[in-house]
Every structure is written in structure tokens, then in C-alpha cells.
Amino acid sequence: MGTTTAPTGFGRPIWSAIKGGNQVHGVGLVPVSFAMVTGHSGTFNRNLFITPPVTEGRFKVEAASISFGALVNDDGSNYWSIMLQAGSVSTFGDLGGTALSSATDFVANTAYALDIDGPEATSPKKVYLEAGDIVRVLFTETGTASDLTSNNMTITLFLRHSPPGR
């Protein structure tokens, strides 16, 4: 499973790569978008990204957002909690400390940030991914929350990509 600290050589300074004449394509943020045509009722999750072999570089989860195609109108007793997680097929850990909650309305076509606690956080999460790690979004229903089965959602994940060593 991922780590809370960068692997050796992750994100080497771009100047070193240029100065040494190495190829620098692929350095920077990589957006990964996932469209859910229909949601689900009850607690559920969806895989967003599976980390490729290290030979394709290293990845760090930097940021993420979610938007809904229609208003999600819940209250303090009936709501969805939305959290990013990373891990392997059987073991997942949250990437943030605070879940996004629909206890306050989600306006249609508005992006809402998902919490990610990287190395700068007091309690950093495992945001540096290892080969085979899965990044997923977890929807946890409390009470009888809004029906998401007909609500189109778009989740955008921003990953920092550090190309393989040369």
C-alpha cells in the first residue's frame, strides 16, 4: 500500500532534468476524470485509478473534486459522506481526514473539493501510491439520503506524476 513520504527520487527538480539533458515530458499534474452515469443507493464505492507498474513512473494524489448533475438536497439526519481512499483490493485507507457531506446542499454543476491530507498535514495520509494501488471514492449513506441512482456525477482526480528514472 502507499506511503506518507515520497519515494527516493520522486519529483526531482525539473532543472536537474533539463540540465542533464533528460526527457522531462510527463512531469506535473495528471488529471483523471471519472463520469458516473448513474449512482447507487446505499453505501457503495467506485474505483477511479489503478497505479501502473513503477516502470511508468510514480504517482502522488494531490487533489480531487466531485460535481453532481442535479441538486443533492439532504439534511443533518439523512446525508451522504464522500471520501477518497487508496489501497489494495482488500485494505483501503482514507486519503483525507474530513468527509465531504451532503448535509448541506450540493448545487448542480458545481465542483466540490474532496479532502486529501498530504505530507504537509499534521496527520499525513498515504498519498504516495505504489504499483497496483487503487484510488477509489467511497459513498457512505446515513439515514435515507438523496437518491443518487439518477444523478450523473463527475469526479476529477489530480495526480502528481514523476517519470521513471533514466
C-alpha atoms as a PDB file:
ATOM      1  CA  MET A   1       0.000   0.000   0.000  1.00  0.00           C
ATOM      2  CA  GLY A   2       1.061   3.628  -0.455  1.00  0.00           C
ATOM      3  CA  THR A   3       3.289   5.681   1.791  1.00  0.00           C
ATOM      4  CA  THR A   4       3.126   9.024   3.615  1.00  0.00           C
ATOM      5  CA  THR A   5       6.569  10.071   2.389  1.00  0.00           C
ATOM      6  CA  ALA A   6       7.907  10.405  -1.113  1.00  0.00           C
ATOM      7  CA  PRO A   7       9.926   7.526  -2.538  1.00  0.00           C
ATOM      8  CA  THR A   8      13.570   8.261  -3.339  1.00  0.00           C
ATOM      9  CA  GLY A   9      13.837  10.433  -6.432  1.00  0.00           C
ATOM     10  CA  PHE A  10      10.147  11.369  -6.552  1.00  0.00           C
ATOM     11  CA  GLY A  11       9.604  14.794  -8.084  1.00  0.00           C
ATOM     12  CA  ARG A  12      13.250  15.511  -8.755  1.00  0.00           C
ATOM     13  CA  PRO A  13      13.717  19.175  -9.629  1.00  0.00           C
ATOM     14  CA  ILE A  14      12.820  19.929 -13.232  1.00  0.00           C
ATOM     15  CA  TRP A  15      16.024  21.979 -13.586  1.00  0.00           C
ATOM     16  CA  SER A  16      18.162  18.909 -12.863  1.00  0.00           C
ATOM     17  CA  ALA A  17      16.347  17.009 -15.583  1.00  0.00           C
ATOM     18  CA  ILE A  18      16.779  19.834 -18.103  1.00  0.00           C
ATOM     19  CA  LYS A  19      20.416  20.462 -17.148  1.00  0.00           C
ATOM     20  CA  GLY A  20      21.219  16.774 -17.529  1.00  0.00           C
ATOM     21  CA  GLY A  21      19.547  16.632 -20.945  1.00  0.00           C
ATOM     22  CA  ASN A  22      16.915  14.141 -19.795  1.00  0.00           C
ATOM     23  CA  GLN A  23      13.440  13.965 -21.224  1.00  0.00           C
ATOM     24  CA  VAL A  24      11.007  15.843 -18.986  1.00  0.00           C
ATOM     25  CA  HIS A  25       7.671  15.126 -20.637  1.00  0.00           C
ATOM     26  CA  GLY A  26       5.042  13.955 -18.186  1.00  0.00           C
ATOM     27  CA  VAL A  27       6.289  15.930 -15.192  1.00  0.00           C
ATOM     28  CA  GLY A  28       3.432  17.654 -13.415  1.00  0.00           C
ATOM     29  CA  LEU A  29      -0.226  17.132 -12.635  1.00  0.00           C
ATOM     30  CA  VAL A  30      -2.186  14.490 -14.486  1.00  0.00           C
ATOM     31  CA  PRO A  31      -5.985  14.863 -14.371  1.00  0.00           C
ATOM     32  CA  VAL A  32      -8.034  11.673 -14.289  1.00  0.00           C
ATOM     33  CA  SER A  33     -11.782  12.164 -14.791  1.00  0.00           C
ATOM     34  CA  PHE A  34     -14.398   9.582 -13.992  1.00  0.00           C
ATOM     35  CA  ALA A  35     -18.032  10.025 -15.032  1.00  0.00           C
ATOM     36  CA  MET A  36     -20.682   8.052 -13.202  1.00  0.00           C
ATOM     37  CA  VAL A  37     -23.745   7.899 -15.422  1.00  0.00           C
ATOM     38  CA  THR A  38     -25.808   6.660 -12.512  1.00  0.00           C
ATOM     39  CA  GLY A  39     -25.049   6.427  -8.841  1.00  0.00           C
ATOM     40  CA  HIS A  40     -26.298   3.816  -6.442  1.00  0.00           C
ATOM     41  CA  SER A  41     -28.460   3.636  -3.379  1.00  0.00           C
ATOM     42  CA  GLY A  42     -26.949   2.564  -0.068  1.00  0.00           C
ATOM     43  CA  THR A  43     -23.217   2.658   0.721  1.00  0.00           C
ATOM     44  CA  PHE A  44     -21.047   1.997  -2.352  1.00  0.00           C
ATOM     45  CA  ASN A  45     -17.649   2.739  -3.913  1.00  0.00           C
ATOM     46  CA  ARG A  46     -16.161   3.189  -7.380  1.00  0.00           C
ATOM     47  CA  ASN A  47     -12.561   2.687  -8.489  1.00  0.00           C
ATOM     48  CA  LEU A  48     -11.034   5.796 -10.092  1.00  0.00           C
ATOM     49  CA  PHE A  49      -7.390   4.885 -10.795  1.00  0.00           C
ATOM     50  CA  ILE A  50      -5.118   1.845 -10.604  1.00  0.00           C
ATOM     51  CA  THR A  51      -1.441   2.699 -10.281  1.00  0.00           C
ATOM     52  CA  PRO A  52       0.630   1.269 -13.148  1.00  0.00           C
ATOM     53  CA  PRO A  53       3.986  -0.503 -12.634  1.00  0.00           C
ATOM     54  CA  VAL A  54       6.828   1.666 -11.294  1.00  0.00           C
ATOM     55  CA  THR A  55       8.458   1.452 -14.734  1.00  0.00           C
ATOM     56  CA  GLU A  56       5.835   4.009 -15.835  1.00  0.00           C
ATOM     57  CA  GLY A  57       6.757   6.419 -13.037  1.00  0.00           C
ATOM     58  CA  ARG A  58       5.457   7.246  -9.587  1.00  0.00           C
ATOM     59  CA  PHE A  59       2.190   8.920  -8.614  1.00  0.00           C
ATOM     60  CA  LYS A  60       1.010  11.089  -5.716  1.00  0.00           C
ATOM     61  CA  VAL A  61      -2.620  12.094  -5.093  1.00  0.00           C
ATOM     62  CA  GLU A  62      -2.663  15.916  -4.995  1.00  0.00           C
ATOM     63  CA  ALA A  63      -6.313  16.983  -5.236  1.00  0.00           C
ATOM     64  CA  ALA A  64      -9.768  15.816  -6.250  1.00  0.00           C
ATOM     65  CA  SER A  65     -13.214  17.240  -6.840  1.00  0.00           C
ATOM     66  CA  ILE A  66     -16.726  15.980  -7.467  1.00  0.00           C
ATOM     67  CA  SER A  67     -19.678  17.597  -9.207  1.00  0.00           C
ATOM     68  CA  PHE A  68     -23.284  16.482  -9.495  1.00  0.00           C
ATOM     69  CA  GLY A  69     -25.621  16.847 -12.473  1.00  0.00           C
ATOM     70  CA  ALA A  70     -28.594  17.650 -10.243  1.00  0.00           C
ATOM     71  CA  LEU A  71     -29.158  19.208  -6.821  1.00  0.00           C
ATOM     72  CA  VAL A  72     -28.433  16.944  -3.845  1.00  0.00           C
ATOM     73  CA  ASN A  73     -30.699  18.191  -1.070  1.00  0.00           C
ATOM     74  CA  ASP A  74     -30.149  16.425   2.274  1.00  0.00           C
ATOM     75  CA  ASP A  75     -30.224  17.373   5.957  1.00  0.00           C
ATOM     76  CA  GLY A  76     -28.340  16.668   9.203  1.00  0.00           C
ATOM     77  CA  SER A  77     -30.060  13.280   9.719  1.00  0.00           C
ATOM     78  CA  ASN A  78     -30.102  11.942   6.163  1.00  0.00           C
ATOM     79  CA  TYR A  79     -26.988  12.542   4.058  1.00  0.00           C
ATOM     80  CA  TRP A  80     -24.055  11.127   2.077  1.00  0.00           C
ATOM     81  CA  SER A  81     -20.429  11.199   3.239  1.00  0.00           C
ATOM     82  CA  ILE A  82     -17.956  11.102   0.364  1.00  0.00           C
ATOM     83  CA  MET A  83     -14.313  10.157   0.898  1.00  0.00           C
ATOM     84  CA  LEU A  84     -11.323   9.287  -1.276  1.00  0.00           C
ATOM     85  CA  GLN A  85      -9.470   6.125  -0.332  1.00  0.00           C
ATOM     86  CA  ALA A  86      -6.381   4.297  -1.548  1.00  0.00           C
ATOM     87  CA  GLY A  87      -5.125   0.795  -1.040  1.00  0.00           C
ATOM     88  CA  SER A  88      -5.161  -2.730  -2.359  1.00  0.00           C
ATOM     89  CA  VAL A  89      -8.078  -4.992  -3.179  1.00  0.00           C
ATOM     90  CA  SER A  90      -8.766  -5.823   0.478  1.00  0.00           C
ATOM     91  CA  THR A  91      -7.235  -2.975   2.508  1.00  0.00           C
ATOM     92  CA  PHE A  92      -8.122   0.681   1.995  1.00  0.00           C
ATOM     93  CA  GLY A  93      -7.303   3.815   3.984  1.00  0.00           C
ATOM     94  CA  ASP A  94      -8.832   7.269   3.748  1.00  0.00           C
ATOM     95  CA  LEU A  95      -6.814   9.929   1.910  1.00  0.00           C
ATOM     96  CA  GLY A  96      -8.324  12.744   3.953  1.00  0.00           C
ATOM     97  CA  GLY A  97      -9.464  13.343   7.488  1.00  0.00           C
ATOM     98  CA  THR A  98     -12.789  15.003   6.674  1.00  0.00           C
ATOM     99  CA  ALA A  99     -15.518  13.518   4.504  1.00  0.00           C
ATOM    100  CA  LEU A 100     -17.481  15.734   2.140  1.00  0.00           C
ATOM    101  CA  SER A 101     -21.049  15.732   3.466  1.00  0.00           C
ATOM    102  CA  SER A 102     -24.334  16.362   1.674  1.00  0.00           C
ATOM    103  CA  ALA A 103     -25.860  17.573   4.982  1.00  0.00           C
ATOM    104  CA  THR A 104     -25.529  20.944   3.249  1.00  0.00           C
ATOM    105  CA  ASP A 105     -26.867  21.011  -0.314  1.00  0.00           C
ATOM    106  CA  PHE A 106     -24.703  20.219  -3.329  1.00  0.00           C
ATOM    107  CA  VAL A 107     -25.656  22.612  -6.114  1.00  0.00           C
ATOM    108  CA  ALA A 108     -25.814  21.112  -9.606  1.00  0.00           C
ATOM    109  CA  ASN A 109     -22.753  21.565 -11.850  1.00  0.00           C
ATOM    110  CA  THR A 110     -20.567  22.917  -9.047  1.00  0.00           C
ATOM    111  CA  ALA A 111     -17.216  21.337  -8.162  1.00  0.00           C
ATOM    112  CA  TYR A 112     -16.689  20.371  -4.512  1.00  0.00           C
ATOM    113  CA  ALA A 113     -13.195  19.535  -3.233  1.00  0.00           C
ATOM    114  CA  LEU A 114     -12.552  16.155  -1.641  1.00  0.00           C
ATOM    115  CA  ASP A 115     -10.212  16.267   1.368  1.00  0.00           C
ATOM    116  CA  ILE A 116      -6.667  14.972   0.877  1.00  0.00           C
ATOM    117  CA  ASP A 117      -4.131  15.152   3.705  1.00  0.00           C
ATOM    118  CA  GLY A 118      -0.702  15.075   2.105  1.00  0.00           C
ATOM    119  CA  PRO A 119       2.746  15.342   3.723  1.00  0.00           C
ATOM    120  CA  GLU A 120       2.078  18.935   4.855  1.00  0.00           C
ATOM    121  CA  ALA A 121      -0.850  17.811   7.075  1.00  0.00           C
ATOM    122  CA  THR A 122      -0.477  17.172  10.812  1.00  0.00           C
ATOM    123  CA  SER A 123      -1.539  13.555  10.274  1.00  0.00           C
ATOM    124  CA  PRO A 124      -0.467  12.759   6.704  1.00  0.00           C
ATOM    125  CA  LYS A 125      -2.202  10.006   4.770  1.00  0.00           C
ATOM    126  CA  LYS A 126      -0.689   7.534   2.307  1.00  0.00           C
ATOM    127  CA  VAL A 127      -0.888   9.774  -0.771  1.00  0.00           C
ATOM    128  CA  TYR A 128       2.232   8.375  -2.493  1.00  0.00           C
ATOM    129  CA  LEU A 129       0.947   5.406  -4.452  1.00  0.00           C
ATOM    130  CA  GLU A 130       2.709   2.125  -5.071  1.00  0.00           C
ATOM    131  CA  ALA A 131       2.280  -0.096  -8.116  1.00  0.00           C
ATOM    132  CA  GLY A 132      -1.130  -1.769  -8.074  1.00  0.00           C
ATOM    133  CA  ASP A 133      -2.698   0.648  -5.574  1.00  0.00           C
ATOM    134  CA  ILE A 134      -6.305   1.567  -6.290  1.00  0.00           C
ATOM    135  CA  VAL A 135      -7.731   5.032  -5.682  1.00  0.00           C
ATOM    136  CA  ARG A 136     -11.464   4.875  -5.121  1.00  0.00           C
ATOM    137  CA  VAL A 137     -14.305   7.080  -3.938  1.00  0.00           C
ATOM    138  CA  LEU A 138     -16.495   5.816  -1.096  1.00  0.00           C
ATOM    139  CA  PHE A 139     -20.096   6.987  -0.677  1.00  0.00           C
ATOM    140  CA  THR A 140     -21.484   6.246   2.802  1.00  0.00           C
ATOM    141  CA  GLU A 141     -25.198   6.750   3.353  1.00  0.00           C
ATOM    142  CA  THR A 142     -26.532   7.902   6.724  1.00  0.00           C
ATOM    143  CA  GLY A 143     -30.277   7.588   7.197  1.00  0.00           C
ATOM    144  CA  THR A 144     -32.261   7.924   3.994  1.00  0.00           C
ATOM    145  CA  ALA A 145     -30.130  10.246   1.888  1.00  0.00           C
ATOM    146  CA  SER A 146     -30.946  11.642  -1.561  1.00  0.00           C
ATOM    147  CA  ASP A 147     -31.381   9.073  -4.311  1.00  0.00           C
ATOM    148  CA  LEU A 148     -28.206   9.144  -6.403  1.00  0.00           C
ATOM    149  CA  THR A 149     -29.319   6.465  -8.882  1.00  0.00           C
ATOM    150  CA  SER A 150     -30.348   9.088 -11.446  1.00  0.00           C
ATOM    151  CA  ASN A 151     -27.770  11.761 -10.608  1.00  0.00           C
ATOM    152  CA  ASN A 152     -24.834  11.985 -13.018  1.00  0.00           C
ATOM    153  CA  MET A 153     -21.544  12.708 -11.242  1.00  0.00           C
ATOM    154  CA  THR A 154     -18.064  13.632 -12.414  1.00  0.00           C
ATOM    155  CA  ILE A 155     -15.043  13.026 -10.216  1.00  0.00           C
ATOM    156  CA  THR A 156     -11.704  14.543 -11.206  1.00  0.00           C
ATOM    157  CA  LEU A 157      -8.563  13.272  -9.560  1.00  0.00           C
ATOM    158  CA  PHE A 158      -5.298  15.213  -9.881  1.00  0.00           C
ATOM    159  CA  LEU A 159      -2.144  13.115  -9.588  1.00  0.00           C
ATOM    160  CA  ARG A 160       1.443  14.323  -9.430  1.00  0.00           C
ATOM    161  CA  HIS A 161       3.441  12.218 -11.884  1.00  0.00           C
ATOM    162  CA  SER A 162       7.159  11.720 -11.555  1.00  0.00           C
ATOM    163  CA  PRO A 163       8.523   9.917 -14.602  1.00  0.00           C
ATOM    164  CA  PRO A 164      10.720   6.861 -14.181  1.00  0.00           C
ATOM    165  CA  GLY A 165      14.429   7.412 -13.566  1.00  0.00           C
ATOM    166  CA  ARG A 166      16.627   7.437 -16.613  1.00  0.00           C
END
